[in-house]
């Protein structure tokens, strides 16, 4: 099997059928405890669980940490908008 300059490889039909990989479709690569890398089909969002485990962004934050920070920022923005509209409503009356 060859890999293109873009890092793409074709999974042979017999393996796609055996693994029930849809075409077009998505797969994930998983490293086993023995160190082997296996291909797993992705059929739903829950199949992606754990894909980002141990990964961090440029600031060293995990996906969960970043999501929490984003949610806190969203809450702060919502509260700011509520206060702004509340004071606008009071000014109109």
PDB file of N, CA and C in Angstrom:
ATOM      1  N   UNK A   1       0.852  -1.166   0.000  1.00  0.00           N
ATOM      2  CA  UNK A   1       0.000   0.000   0.000  1.00  0.00           C
ATOM      3  C   UNK A   1       0.897   1.228   0.000  1.00  0.00           C
ATOM      4  N   UNK A   2       0.510   2.231  -0.738  1.00  0.00           N
ATOM      5  CA  UNK A   2       1.291   3.467  -0.775  1.00  0.00           C
ATOM      6  C   UNK A   2       0.523   4.579  -0.062  1.00  0.00           C
ATOM      7  N   UNK A   3       1.270   5.602   0.305  1.00  0.00           N
ATOM      8  CA  UNK A   3       0.693   6.772   0.961  1.00  0.00           C
ATOM      9  C   UNK A   3       1.013   7.977   0.091  1.00  0.00           C
ATOM     10  N   UNK A   4      -0.009   8.790  -0.183  1.00  0.00           N
ATOM     11  CA  UNK A   4       0.175   9.963  -1.046  1.00  0.00           C
ATOM     12  C   UNK A   4       0.932  11.059  -0.303  1.00  0.00           C
ATOM     13  N   UNK A   5       1.306  12.096  -1.039  1.00  0.00           N
ATOM     14  CA  UNK A   5       2.007  13.224  -0.445  1.00  0.00           C
ATOM     15  C   UNK A   5       1.144  13.908   0.617  1.00  0.00           C
ATOM     16  N   UNK A   6      -0.169  13.770   0.514  1.00  0.00           N
ATOM     17  CA  UNK A   6      -1.094  14.351   1.494  1.00  0.00           C
ATOM     18  C   UNK A   6      -1.368  13.401   2.659  1.00  0.00           C
ATOM     19  N   UNK A   7      -0.688  12.261   2.703  1.00  0.00           N
ATOM     20  CA  UNK A   7      -0.859  11.313   3.793  1.00  0.00           C
ATOM     21  C   UNK A   7      -2.057  10.402   3.624  1.00  0.00           C
ATOM     22  N   UNK A   8      -2.576  10.309   2.428  1.00  0.00           N
ATOM     23  CA  UNK A   8      -3.752   9.477   2.186  1.00  0.00           C
ATOM     24  C   UNK A   8      -3.357   8.094   1.690  1.00  0.00           C
ATOM     25  N   UNK A   9      -4.110   7.094   2.158  1.00  0.00           N
ATOM     26  CA  UNK A   9      -3.910   5.725   1.712  1.00  0.00           C
ATOM     27  C   UNK A   9      -5.278   5.127   1.424  1.00  0.00           C
ATOM     28  N   UNK A  10      -5.339   4.184   0.522  1.00  0.00           N
ATOM     29  CA  UNK A  10      -6.595   3.516   0.195  1.00  0.00           C
ATOM     30  C   UNK A  10      -6.683   2.208   0.968  1.00  0.00           C
ATOM     31  N   UNK A  11      -7.816   2.031   1.657  1.00  0.00           N
ATOM     32  CA  UNK A  11      -8.040   0.780   2.377  1.00  0.00           C
ATOM     33  C   UNK A  11      -8.638  -0.204   1.379  1.00  0.00           C
ATOM     34  N   UNK A  12      -8.012  -1.344   1.175  1.00  0.00           N
ATOM     35  CA  UNK A  12      -8.525  -2.312   0.203  1.00  0.00           C
ATOM     36  C   UNK A  12      -9.973  -2.713   0.506  1.00  0.00           C
ATOM     37  N   UNK A  13     -10.722  -2.969  -0.560  1.00  0.00           N
ATOM     38  CA  UNK A  13     -12.149  -3.277  -0.454  1.00  0.00           C
ATOM     39  C   UNK A  13     -12.429  -4.417   0.518  1.00  0.00           C
ATOM     40  N   UNK A  14     -11.627  -5.478   0.455  1.00  0.00           N
ATOM     41  CA  UNK A  14     -11.886  -6.621   1.342  1.00  0.00           C
ATOM     42  C   UNK A  14     -11.814  -6.220   2.810  1.00  0.00           C
ATOM     43  N   UNK A  15     -10.905  -5.305   3.177  1.00  0.00           N
ATOM     44  CA  UNK A  15     -10.807  -4.844   4.568  1.00  0.00           C
ATOM     45  C   UNK A  15     -11.955  -3.898   4.912  1.00  0.00           C
ATOM     46  N   UNK A  16     -12.323  -3.016   3.968  1.00  0.00           N
ATOM     47  CA  UNK A  16     -13.461  -2.120   4.210  1.00  0.00           C
ATOM     48  C   UNK A  16     -14.720  -2.927   4.480  1.00  0.00           C
ATOM     49  N   UNK A  17     -14.929  -3.982   3.697  1.00  0.00           N
ATOM     50  CA  UNK A  17     -16.106  -4.827   3.890  1.00  0.00           C
ATOM     51  C   UNK A  17     -16.035  -5.562   5.226  1.00  0.00           C
ATOM     52  N   UNK A  18     -14.893  -6.118   5.539  1.00  0.00           N
ATOM     53  CA  UNK A  18     -14.734  -6.862   6.788  1.00  0.00           C
ATOM     54  C   UNK A  18     -14.931  -5.965   8.015  1.00  0.00           C
ATOM     55  N   UNK A  19     -14.443  -4.732   7.920  1.00  0.00           N
ATOM     56  CA  UNK A  19     -14.546  -3.798   9.040  1.00  0.00           C
ATOM     57  C   UNK A  19     -15.827  -2.969   9.001  1.00  0.00           C
ATOM     58  N   UNK A  20     -16.649  -3.168   7.969  1.00  0.00           N
ATOM     59  CA  UNK A  20     -17.892  -2.413   7.797  1.00  0.00           C
ATOM     60  C   UNK A  20     -17.619  -0.908   7.753  1.00  0.00           C
ATOM     61  N   UNK A  21     -16.648  -0.523   6.936  1.00  0.00           N
ATOM     62  CA  UNK A  21     -16.294   0.882   6.751  1.00  0.00           C
ATOM     63  C   UNK A  21     -17.075   1.415   5.560  1.00  0.00           C
ATOM     64  N   UNK A  22     -17.895   2.433   5.824  1.00  0.00           N
ATOM     65  CA  UNK A  22     -18.678   3.049   4.757  1.00  0.00           C
ATOM     66  C   UNK A  22     -17.774   3.836   3.821  1.00  0.00           C
ATOM     67  N   UNK A  23     -18.205   3.964   2.564  1.00  0.00           N
ATOM     68  CA  UNK A  23     -17.495   4.824   1.619  1.00  0.00           C
ATOM     69  C   UNK A  23     -18.496   5.788   1.010  1.00  0.00           C
ATOM     70  N   UNK A  24     -18.284   7.083   1.046  1.00  0.00           N
ATOM     71  CA  UNK A  24     -17.189   7.667   1.834  1.00  0.00           C
ATOM     72  C   UNK A  24     -17.472   7.477   3.313  1.00  0.00           C
ATOM     73  N   UNK A  25     -16.448   7.436   4.085  1.00  0.00           N
ATOM     74  CA  UNK A  25     -16.603   7.214   5.509  1.00  0.00           C
ATOM     75  C   UNK A  25     -15.415   7.734   6.278  1.00  0.00           C
ATOM     76  N   UNK A  26     -15.428   7.481   7.571  1.00  0.00           N
ATOM     77  CA  UNK A  26     -14.349   7.946   8.429  1.00  0.00           C
ATOM     78  C   UNK A  26     -13.850   6.774   9.271  1.00  0.00           C
ATOM     79  N   UNK A  27     -12.575   6.813   9.575  1.00  0.00           N
ATOM     80  CA  UNK A  27     -11.963   5.801  10.427  1.00  0.00           C
ATOM     81  C   UNK A  27     -11.090   6.502  11.459  1.00  0.00           C
ATOM     82  N   UNK A  28     -10.740   5.766  12.492  1.00  0.00           N
ATOM     83  CA  UNK A  28      -9.768   6.276  13.452  1.00  0.00           C
ATOM     84  C   UNK A  28      -8.683   5.229  13.611  1.00  0.00           C
ATOM     85  N   UNK A  29      -7.504   5.691  13.973  1.00  0.00           N
ATOM     86  CA  UNK A  29      -6.378   4.813  14.215  1.00  0.00           C
ATOM     87  C   UNK A  29      -6.183   4.720  15.720  1.00  0.00           C
ATOM     88  N   UNK A  30      -6.070   3.511  16.230  1.00  0.00           N
ATOM     89  CA  UNK A  30      -5.945   3.275  17.664  1.00  0.00           C
ATOM     90  C   UNK A  30      -4.694   2.450  17.924  1.00  0.00           C
ATOM     91  N   UNK A  31      -3.926   2.863  18.923  1.00  0.00           N
ATOM     92  CA  UNK A  31      -2.732   2.096  19.306  1.00  0.00           C
ATOM     93  C   UNK A  31      -3.139   1.126  20.415  1.00  0.00           C
ATOM     94  N   UNK A  32      -2.842  -0.137  20.220  1.00  0.00           N
ATOM     95  CA  UNK A  32      -3.171  -1.155  21.218  1.00  0.00           C
ATOM     96  C   UNK A  32      -2.120  -1.156  22.320  1.00  0.00           C
ATOM     97  N   UNK A  33      -2.392  -1.893  23.395  1.00  0.00           N
ATOM     98  CA  UNK A  33      -1.422  -2.006  24.484  1.00  0.00           C
ATOM     99  C   UNK A  33      -0.119  -2.636  24.008  1.00  0.00           C
ATOM    100  N   UNK A  34      -0.208  -3.462  22.961  1.00  0.00           N
ATOM    101  CA  UNK A  34       0.987  -4.106  22.404  1.00  0.00           C
ATOM    102  C   UNK A  34       1.767  -3.169  21.488  1.00  0.00           C
ATOM    103  N   UNK A  35       1.243  -1.958  21.246  1.00  0.00           N
ATOM    104  CA  UNK A  35       1.926  -0.992  20.402  1.00  0.00           C
ATOM    105  C   UNK A  35       1.531  -1.043  18.936  1.00  0.00           C
ATOM    106  N   UNK A  36       0.623  -1.950  18.580  1.00  0.00           N
ATOM    107  CA  UNK A  36       0.173  -2.024  17.188  1.00  0.00           C
ATOM    108  C   UNK A  36      -0.866  -0.931  16.940  1.00  0.00           C
ATOM    109  N   UNK A  37      -0.950  -0.496  15.701  1.00  0.00           N
ATOM    110  CA  UNK A  37      -1.951   0.493  15.317  1.00  0.00           C
ATOM    111  C   UNK A  37      -3.004  -0.213  14.487  1.00  0.00           C
ATOM    112  N   UNK A  38      -4.259  -0.060  14.898  1.00  0.00           N
ATOM    113  CA  UNK A  38      -5.369  -0.703  14.190  1.00  0.00           C
ATOM    114  C   UNK A  38      -6.327   0.368  13.674  1.00  0.00           C
ATOM    115  N   UNK A  39      -7.058   0.009  12.632  1.00  0.00           N
ATOM    116  CA  UNK A  39      -8.038   0.910  12.023  1.00  0.00           C
ATOM    117  C   UNK A  39      -9.415   0.520  12.525  1.00  0.00           C
ATOM    118  N   UNK A  40     -10.182   1.512  12.988  1.00  0.00           N
ATOM    119  CA  UNK A  40     -11.541   1.267  13.456  1.00  0.00           C
ATOM    120  C   UNK A  40     -12.487   2.192  12.708  1.00  0.00           C
ATOM    121  N   UNK A  41     -13.626   1.686  12.265  1.00  0.00           N
ATOM    122  CA  UNK A  41     -14.597   2.552  11.593  1.00  0.00           C
ATOM    123  C   UNK A  41     -15.262   3.492  12.591  1.00  0.00           C
ATOM    124  N   UNK A  42     -15.665   4.650  12.114  1.00  0.00           N
ATOM    125  CA  UNK A  42     -16.431   5.598  12.916  1.00  0.00           C
ATOM    126  C   UNK A  42     -17.831   5.632  12.321  1.00  0.00           C
ATOM    127  N   UNK A  43     -18.799   5.158  13.094  1.00  0.00           N
ATOM    128  CA  UNK A  43     -20.187   5.152  12.628  1.00  0.00           C
ATOM    129  C   UNK A  43     -21.017   6.228  13.311  1.00  0.00           C
ATOM    130  N   UNK A  44     -20.580   6.662  14.492  1.00  0.00           N
ATOM    131  CA  UNK A  44     -21.325   7.694  15.215  1.00  0.00           C
ATOM    132  C   UNK A  44     -20.355   8.539  16.025  1.00  0.00           C
ATOM    133  N   UNK A  45     -20.865   9.624  16.581  1.00  0.00           N
ATOM    134  CA  UNK A  45     -20.039  10.527  17.366  1.00  0.00           C
ATOM    135  C   UNK A  45     -19.431   9.816  18.572  1.00  0.00           C
ATOM    136  N   UNK A  46     -20.165   8.883  19.164  1.00  0.00           N
ATOM    137  CA  UNK A  46     -19.632   8.184  20.343  1.00  0.00           C
ATOM    138  C   UNK A  46     -18.416   7.334  19.995  1.00  0.00           C
ATOM    139  N   UNK A  47     -18.248   6.976  18.731  1.00  0.00           N
ATOM    140  CA  UNK A  47     -17.058   6.228  18.317  1.00  0.00           C
ATOM    141  C   UNK A  47     -15.786   7.061  18.468  1.00  0.00           C
ATOM    142  N   UNK A  48     -15.941   8.384  18.565  1.00  0.00           N
ATOM    143  CA  UNK A  48     -14.785   9.268  18.691  1.00  0.00           C
ATOM    144  C   UNK A  48     -14.327   9.441  20.133  1.00  0.00           C
ATOM    145  N   UNK A  49     -15.086   8.887  21.078  1.00  0.00           N
ATOM    146  CA  UNK A  49     -14.744   9.039  22.490  1.00  0.00           C
ATOM    147  C   UNK A  49     -13.304   8.582  22.723  1.00  0.00           C
ATOM    148  N   UNK A  50     -12.530   9.442  23.379  1.00  0.00           N
ATOM    149  CA  UNK A  50     -11.150   9.112  23.719  1.00  0.00           C
ATOM    150  C   UNK A  50     -10.125   9.494  22.675  1.00  0.00           C
ATOM    151  N   UNK A  51     -10.561   9.976  21.514  1.00  0.00           N
ATOM    152  CA  UNK A  51      -9.621  10.308  20.446  1.00  0.00           C
ATOM    153  C   UNK A  51      -8.652  11.411  20.885  1.00  0.00           C
ATOM    154  N   UNK A  52      -9.113  12.358  21.705  1.00  0.00           N
ATOM    155  CA  UNK A  52      -8.262  13.472  22.123  1.00  0.00           C
ATOM    156  C   UNK A  52      -7.574  13.244  23.466  1.00  0.00           C
ATOM    157  N   UNK A  53      -7.725  12.066  24.022  1.00  0.00           N
ATOM    158  CA  UNK A  53      -7.120  11.767  25.318  1.00  0.00           C
ATOM    159  C   UNK A  53      -5.606  11.951  25.254  1.00  0.00           C
ATOM    160  N   UNK A  54      -5.094  12.741  26.187  1.00  0.00           N
ATOM    161  CA  UNK A  54      -3.655  12.983  26.257  1.00  0.00           C
ATOM    162  C   UNK A  54      -3.171  14.063  25.308  1.00  0.00           C
ATOM    163  N   UNK A  55      -4.041  14.597  24.465  1.00  0.00           N
ATOM    164  CA  UNK A  55      -3.654  15.648  23.520  1.00  0.00           C
ATOM    165  C   UNK A  55      -3.875  17.014  24.164  1.00  0.00           C
ATOM    166  N   UNK A  56      -3.016  17.978  23.830  1.00  0.00           N
ATOM    167  CA  UNK A  56      -3.160  19.333  24.342  1.00  0.00           C
ATOM    168  C   UNK A  56      -3.012  20.338  23.205  1.00  0.00           C
ATOM    169  N   UNK A  57      -3.522  21.550  23.448  1.00  0.00           N
ATOM    170  CA  UNK A  57      -3.376  22.605  22.449  1.00  0.00           C
ATOM    171  C   UNK A  57      -2.051  23.337  22.665  1.00  0.00           C
ATOM    172  N   UNK A  58      -1.869  24.469  21.973  1.00  0.00           N
ATOM    173  CA  UNK A  58      -0.604  25.204  22.050  1.00  0.00           C
ATOM    174  C   UNK A  58      -0.299  25.699  23.453  1.00  0.00           C
ATOM    175  N   UNK A  59      -1.354  25.927  24.254  1.00  0.00           N
ATOM    176  CA  UNK A  59      -1.159  26.402  25.628  1.00  0.00           C
ATOM    177  C   UNK A  59      -1.078  25.248  26.638  1.00  0.00           C
ATOM    178  N   UNK A  60      -1.074  24.018  26.156  1.00  0.00           N
ATOM    179  CA  UNK A  60      -0.971  22.874  27.044  1.00  0.00           C
ATOM    180  C   UNK A  60      -2.284  22.466  27.693  1.00  0.00           C
ATOM    181  N   UNK A  61      -3.415  22.979  27.161  1.00  0.00           N
ATOM    182  CA  UNK A  61      -4.727  22.654  27.734  1.00  0.00           C
ATOM    183  C   UNK A  61      -5.301  21.413  27.062  1.00  0.00           C
ATOM    184  N   UNK A  62      -5.919  20.558  27.864  1.00  0.00           N
ATOM    185  CA  UNK A  62      -6.612  19.398  27.304  1.00  0.00           C
ATOM    186  C   UNK A  62      -7.914  19.867  26.666  1.00  0.00           C
ATOM    187  N   UNK A  63      -8.552  18.993  25.915  1.00  0.00           N
ATOM    188  CA  UNK A  63      -9.827  19.334  25.282  1.00  0.00           C
ATOM    189  C   UNK A  63     -10.869  19.675  26.338  1.00  0.00           C
ATOM    190  N   UNK A  64     -10.879  18.949  27.446  1.00  0.00           N
ATOM    191  CA  UNK A  64     -11.850  19.216  28.523  1.00  0.00           C
ATOM    192  C   UNK A  64     -11.581  20.573  29.149  1.00  0.00           C
ATOM    193  N   UNK A  65     -10.315  20.892  29.405  1.00  0.00           N
ATOM    194  CA  UNK A  65      -9.976  22.196  29.987  1.00  0.00           C
ATOM    195  C   UNK A  65     -10.383  23.331  29.055  1.00  0.00           C
ATOM    196  N   UNK A  66     -10.114  23.160  27.785  1.00  0.00           N
ATOM    197  CA  UNK A  66     -10.473  24.200  26.818  1.00  0.00           C
ATOM    198  C   UNK A  66     -11.981  24.369  26.731  1.00  0.00           C
ATOM    199  N   UNK A  67     -12.722  23.268  26.737  1.00  0.00           N
ATOM    200  CA  UNK A  67     -14.177  23.333  26.699  1.00  0.00           C
ATOM    201  C   UNK A  67     -14.707  24.053  27.932  1.00  0.00           C
ATOM    202  N   UNK A  68     -14.162  23.736  29.103  1.00  0.00           N
ATOM    203  CA  UNK A  68     -14.591  24.424  30.338  1.00  0.00           C
ATOM    204  C   UNK A  68     -14.332  25.917  30.245  1.00  0.00           C
ATOM    205  N   UNK A  69     -13.150  26.297  29.765  1.00  0.00           N
ATOM    206  CA  UNK A  69     -12.825  27.721  29.614  1.00  0.00           C
ATOM    207  C   UNK A  69     -13.782  28.397  28.640  1.00  0.00           C
ATOM    208  N   UNK A  70     -14.060  27.748  27.520  1.00  0.00           N
ATOM    209  CA  UNK A  70     -14.990  28.305  26.539  1.00  0.00           C
ATOM    210  C   UNK A  70     -16.378  28.490  27.141  1.00  0.00           C
ATOM    211  N   UNK A  71     -16.821  27.511  27.929  1.00  0.00           N
ATOM    212  CA  UNK A  71     -18.141  27.611  28.568  1.00  0.00           C
ATOM    213  C   UNK A  71     -18.178  28.757  29.568  1.00  0.00           C
ATOM    214  N   UNK A  72     -17.104  28.943  30.329  1.00  0.00           N
ATOM    215  CA  UNK A  72     -17.040  30.054  31.285  1.00  0.00           C
ATOM    216  C   UNK A  72     -17.083  31.393  30.554  1.00  0.00           C
ATOM    217  N   UNK A  73     -16.370  31.491  29.437  1.00  0.00           N
ATOM    218  CA  UNK A  73     -16.393  32.721  28.636  1.00  0.00           C
ATOM    219  C   UNK A  73     -17.791  32.968  28.082  1.00  0.00           C
ATOM    220  N   UNK A  74     -18.459  31.903  27.631  1.00  0.00           N
ATOM    221  CA  UNK A  74     -19.824  32.036  27.125  1.00  0.00           C
ATOM    222  C   UNK A  74     -20.766  32.533  28.214  1.00  0.00           C
ATOM    223  N   UNK A  75     -20.634  31.987  29.430  1.00  0.00           N
ATOM    224  CA  UNK A  75     -21.480  32.416  30.547  1.00  0.00           C
ATOM    225  C   UNK A  75     -21.244  33.890  30.848  1.00  0.00           C
ATOM    226  N   UNK A  76     -19.977  34.304  30.871  1.00  0.00           N
ATOM    227  CA  UNK A  76     -19.648  35.696  31.155  1.00  0.00           C
ATOM    228  C   UNK A  76     -20.222  36.615  30.073  1.00  0.00           C
ATOM    229  N   UNK A  77     -20.127  36.199  28.811  1.00  0.00           N
ATOM    230  CA  UNK A  77     -20.672  36.998  27.703  1.00  0.00           C
ATOM    231  C   UNK A  77     -22.187  37.097  27.803  1.00  0.00           C
ATOM    232  N   UNK A  78     -22.852  36.001  28.135  1.00  0.00           N
ATOM    233  CA  UNK A  78     -24.308  36.011  28.289  1.00  0.00           C
ATOM    234  C   UNK A  78     -24.729  36.951  29.406  1.00  0.00           C
ATOM    235  N   UNK A  79     -24.014  36.892  30.528  1.00  0.00           N
ATOM    236  CA  UNK A  79     -24.344  37.761  31.659  1.00  0.00           C
ATOM    237  C   UNK A  79     -24.137  39.228  31.285  1.00  0.00           C
ATOM    238  N   UNK A  80     -23.069  39.513  30.572  1.00  0.00           N
ATOM    239  CA  UNK A  80     -22.798  40.885  30.130  1.00  0.00           C
ATOM    240  C   UNK A  80     -23.927  41.388  29.229  1.00  0.00           C
ATOM    241  N   UNK A  81     -24.382  40.534  28.303  1.00  0.00           N
ATOM    242  CA  UNK A  81     -25.489  40.924  27.422  1.00  0.00           C
ATOM    243  C   UNK A  81     -26.775  41.142  28.206  1.00  0.00           C
ATOM    244  N   UNK A  82     -27.056  40.282  29.171  1.00  0.00           N
ATOM    245  CA  UNK A  82     -28.263  40.454  29.999  1.00  0.00           C
ATOM    246  C   UNK A  82     -28.241  41.788  30.723  1.00  0.00           C
ATOM    247  N   UNK A  83     -27.076  42.102  31.299  1.00  0.00           N
ATOM    248  CA  UNK A  83     -26.955  43.366  32.023  1.00  0.00           C
ATOM    249  C   UNK A  83     -27.101  44.555  31.084  1.00  0.00           C
ATOM    250  N   UNK A  84     -26.516  44.448  29.908  1.00  0.00           N
ATOM    251  CA  UNK A  84     -26.595  45.550  28.948  1.00  0.00           C
ATOM    252  C   UNK A  84     -28.041  45.776  28.516  1.00  0.00           C
ATOM    253  N   UNK A  85     -28.757  44.670  28.186  1.00  0.00           N
ATOM    254  CA  UNK A  85     -30.148  44.819  27.761  1.00  0.00           C
ATOM    255  C   UNK A  85     -31.049  45.254  28.896  1.00  0.00           C
ATOM    256  N   UNK A  86     -30.741  44.828  30.104  1.00  0.00           N
ATOM    257  CA  UNK A  86     -31.533  45.239  31.255  1.00  0.00           C
ATOM    258  C   UNK A  86     -31.377  46.746  31.475  1.00  0.00           C
ATOM    259  N   UNK A  87     -30.156  47.256  31.354  1.00  0.00           N
ATOM    260  CA  UNK A  87     -29.949  48.695  31.536  1.00  0.00           C
ATOM    261  C   UNK A  87     -30.540  49.482  30.362  1.00  0.00           C
ATOM    262  N   UNK A  88     -30.538  48.917  29.154  1.00  0.00           N
ATOM    263  CA  UNK A  88     -31.188  49.580  28.014  1.00  0.00           C
ATOM    264  C   UNK A  88     -32.687  49.655  28.226  1.00  0.00           C
ATOM    265  N   UNK A  89     -33.282  48.588  28.768  1.00  0.00           N
ATOM    266  CA  UNK A  89     -34.723  48.575  29.035  1.00  0.00           C
ATOM    267  C   UNK A  89     -35.083  49.609  30.091  1.00  0.00           C
ATOM    268  N   UNK A  90     -34.238  49.724  31.132  1.00  0.00           N
ATOM    269  CA  UNK A  90     -34.494  50.710  32.177  1.00  0.00           C
ATOM    270  C   UNK A  90     -34.382  52.123  31.626  1.00  0.00           C
ATOM    271  N   UNK A  91     -33.438  52.361  30.712  1.00  0.00           N
ATOM    272  CA  UNK A  91     -33.255  53.693  30.119  1.00  0.00           C
ATOM    273  C   UNK A  91     -34.450  54.066  29.231  1.00  0.00           C
ATOM    274  N   UNK A  92     -35.087  53.065  28.627  1.00  0.00           N
ATOM    275  CA  UNK A  92     -36.241  53.323  27.748  1.00  0.00           C
ATOM    276  C   UNK A  92     -37.490  53.676  28.526  1.00  0.00           C
ATOM    277  N   UNK A  93     -37.540  53.295  29.798  1.00  0.00           N
ATOM    278  CA  UNK A  93     -38.771  53.545  30.562  1.00  0.00           C
ATOM    279  C   UNK A  93     -38.721  54.820  31.337  1.00  0.00           C
TER     280      UNK A  93
END
